[in-house]
Amino acid sequence: MTMKGNTMLDLGPDSKSIRYEVALDILGESRQPFMRAIHEEKQKSEPSQVFIRYCETRLTAIDELQDDLRLNDLDTIERILTKGNPLFKVD
């Protein structure tokens, strides 16, 4: 938003909104390796149930974060957007 006199002009989505949306996209993308791993594990003749549960637990945690993330969760959004953060690595 830009100030003009005493009035703020709305110039479209601000960077806070954009960062929030990008963080949600990254969380969505971070689900992919776990979904792929579950699929591949289930294809094996003797799939590891403990590994599948691990992946499912990670997916649940990502889903909860995605569902509960709010625009004002600035520190969490920053963590998600930090390049090279192993917690939110995207292929």
C-alpha atoms as a PDB file:
ATOM      1  CA  MET A   1       0.000   0.000   0.000  1.00  0.00           C
ATOM      2  CA  THR A   2       1.197   3.479  -0.815  1.00  0.00           C
ATOM      3  CA  MET A   3       0.386   6.642   1.087  1.00  0.00           C
ATOM      4  CA  LYS A   4      -1.125   9.525  -0.852  1.00  0.00           C
ATOM      5  CA  GLY A   5      -1.837  12.381   1.475  1.00  0.00           C
ATOM      6  CA  ASN A   6      -3.573  10.715   4.423  1.00  0.00           C
ATOM      7  CA  THR A   7      -5.208   7.999   2.329  1.00  0.00           C
ATOM      8  CA  MET A   8      -3.728   4.573   1.746  1.00  0.00           C
ATOM      9  CA  LEU A   9      -4.197   3.253  -1.762  1.00  0.00           C
ATOM     10  CA  ASP A  10      -4.811  -0.451  -2.158  1.00  0.00           C
ATOM     11  CA  LEU A  11      -2.472  -1.559  -4.939  1.00  0.00           C
ATOM     12  CA  GLY A  12      -3.367  -5.233  -4.806  1.00  0.00           C
ATOM     13  CA  PRO A  13      -2.007  -8.092  -2.753  1.00  0.00           C
ATOM     14  CA  ASP A  14       0.719  -7.021  -0.397  1.00  0.00           C
ATOM     15  CA  SER A  15       3.898  -8.976   0.085  1.00  0.00           C
ATOM     16  CA  LYS A  16       2.551 -10.401   3.364  1.00  0.00           C
ATOM     17  CA  SER A  17      -0.343 -12.043   1.499  1.00  0.00           C
ATOM     18  CA  ILE A  18       1.925 -13.245  -1.277  1.00  0.00           C
ATOM     19  CA  ARG A  19       4.408 -14.739   1.201  1.00  0.00           C
ATOM     20  CA  TYR A  20       1.533 -16.525   2.944  1.00  0.00           C
ATOM     21  CA  GLU A  21       0.266 -17.996  -0.334  1.00  0.00           C
ATOM     22  CA  VAL A  22       3.760 -19.090  -1.373  1.00  0.00           C
ATOM     23  CA  ALA A  23       4.251 -20.738   2.034  1.00  0.00           C
ATOM     24  CA  LEU A  24       1.014 -22.685   1.530  1.00  0.00           C
ATOM     25  CA  ASP A  25       2.226 -23.760  -1.918  1.00  0.00           C
ATOM     26  CA  ILE A  26       5.552 -24.939  -0.485  1.00  0.00           C
ATOM     27  CA  LEU A  27       3.740 -26.932   2.191  1.00  0.00           C
ATOM     28  CA  GLY A  28       1.622 -28.548  -0.503  1.00  0.00           C
ATOM     29  CA  GLU A  29       4.707 -29.425  -2.522  1.00  0.00           C
ATOM     30  CA  SER A  30       6.496 -30.765   0.549  1.00  0.00           C
ATOM     31  CA  ARG A  31       3.813 -33.481   0.792  1.00  0.00           C
ATOM     32  CA  GLN A  32       4.902 -35.039  -2.511  1.00  0.00           C
ATOM     33  CA  PRO A  33       8.005 -36.965  -1.347  1.00  0.00           C
ATOM     34  CA  PHE A  34       6.004 -38.603   1.465  1.00  0.00           C
ATOM     35  CA  MET A  35       3.114 -39.502  -0.812  1.00  0.00           C
ATOM     36  CA  ARG A  36       5.556 -40.963  -3.340  1.00  0.00           C
ATOM     37  CA  ALA A  37       7.395 -42.887  -0.612  1.00  0.00           C
ATOM     38  CA  ILE A  38       4.140 -44.400   0.677  1.00  0.00           C
ATOM     39  CA  HIS A  39       3.132 -45.432  -2.820  1.00  0.00           C
ATOM     40  CA  GLU A  40       6.530 -47.005  -3.530  1.00  0.00           C
ATOM     41  CA  GLU A  41       6.631 -48.773  -0.175  1.00  0.00           C
ATOM     42  CA  LYS A  42       3.176 -50.272  -0.695  1.00  0.00           C
ATOM     43  CA  GLN A  43       4.344 -51.713  -4.020  1.00  0.00           C
ATOM     44  CA  LYS A  44       6.952 -53.877  -2.269  1.00  0.00           C
ATOM     45  CA  SER A  45       6.235 -57.530  -1.518  1.00  0.00           C
ATOM     46  CA  GLU A  46       6.786 -56.821   2.196  1.00  0.00           C
ATOM     47  CA  PRO A  47       6.121 -53.132   2.838  1.00  0.00           C
ATOM     48  CA  SER A  48       7.423 -51.622   6.038  1.00  0.00           C
ATOM     49  CA  GLN A  49       4.377 -50.590   8.046  1.00  0.00           C
ATOM     50  CA  VAL A  50       6.497 -48.507  10.399  1.00  0.00           C
ATOM     51  CA  PHE A  51       7.906 -46.542   7.451  1.00  0.00           C
ATOM     52  CA  ILE A  52       4.417 -46.031   6.022  1.00  0.00           C
ATOM     53  CA  ARG A  53       3.172 -44.791   9.420  1.00  0.00           C
ATOM     54  CA  TYR A  54       6.157 -42.419   9.604  1.00  0.00           C
ATOM     55  CA  CYS A  55       5.291 -40.935   6.207  1.00  0.00           C
ATOM     56  CA  GLU A  56       1.605 -40.705   7.086  1.00  0.00           C
ATOM     57  CA  THR A  57       2.474 -38.916  10.327  1.00  0.00           C
ATOM     58  CA  ARG A  58       4.594 -36.395   8.432  1.00  0.00           C
ATOM     59  CA  LEU A  59       1.732 -35.846   5.976  1.00  0.00           C
ATOM     60  CA  THR A  60      -0.690 -35.264   8.842  1.00  0.00           C
ATOM     61  CA  ALA A  61       1.678 -32.722  10.407  1.00  0.00           C
ATOM     62  CA  ILE A  62       2.042 -30.873   7.097  1.00  0.00           C
ATOM     63  CA  ASP A  63      -1.741 -30.904   6.624  1.00  0.00           C
ATOM     64  CA  GLU A  64      -2.284 -29.472  10.105  1.00  0.00           C
ATOM     65  CA  LEU A  65       0.285 -26.754   9.533  1.00  0.00           C
ATOM     66  CA  GLN A  66      -1.279 -25.919   6.185  1.00  0.00           C
ATOM     67  CA  ASP A  67      -4.795 -25.813   7.696  1.00  0.00           C
ATOM     68  CA  ASP A  68      -3.818 -23.786  10.759  1.00  0.00           C
ATOM     69  CA  LEU A  69      -1.289 -21.367   9.228  1.00  0.00           C
ATOM     70  CA  ARG A  70      -2.495 -17.778   9.477  1.00  0.00           C
ATOM     71  CA  LEU A  71      -1.436 -14.626   7.690  1.00  0.00           C
ATOM     72  CA  ASN A  72       0.050 -13.231  10.916  1.00  0.00           C
ATOM     73  CA  ASP A  73       2.232 -16.328  11.609  1.00  0.00           C
ATOM     74  CA  LEU A  74       5.179 -14.381  10.230  1.00  0.00           C
ATOM     75  CA  ASP A  75       7.964 -16.380  11.896  1.00  0.00           C
ATOM     76  CA  THR A  76       6.555 -19.700  10.708  1.00  0.00           C
ATOM     77  CA  ILE A  77       5.999 -18.348   7.196  1.00  0.00           C
ATOM     78  CA  GLU A  78       9.587 -17.102   7.176  1.00  0.00           C
ATOM     79  CA  ARG A  79      10.843 -20.572   8.200  1.00  0.00           C
ATOM     80  CA  ILE A  80       8.863 -22.184   5.400  1.00  0.00           C
ATOM     81  CA  LEU A  81      10.204 -19.683   2.865  1.00  0.00           C
ATOM     82  CA  THR A  82      13.834 -19.926   3.995  1.00  0.00           C
ATOM     83  CA  LYS A  83      15.785 -21.501   1.160  1.00  0.00           C
ATOM     84  CA  GLY A  84      17.596 -24.659   2.175  1.00  0.00           C
ATOM     85  CA  ASN A  85      15.498 -25.246   5.305  1.00  0.00           C
ATOM     86  CA  PRO A  86      15.523 -29.063   5.596  1.00  0.00           C
ATOM     87  CA  LEU A  87      12.127 -29.055   7.328  1.00  0.00           C
ATOM     88  CA  PHE A  88      10.425 -27.769   4.192  1.00  0.00           C
ATOM     89  CA  LYS A  89      12.629 -29.085   1.414  1.00  0.00           C
ATOM     90  CA  VAL A  90      10.960 -29.137  -1.968  1.00  0.00           C
ATOM     91  CA  ASP A  91      12.171 -31.313  -4.861  1.00  0.00           C
END
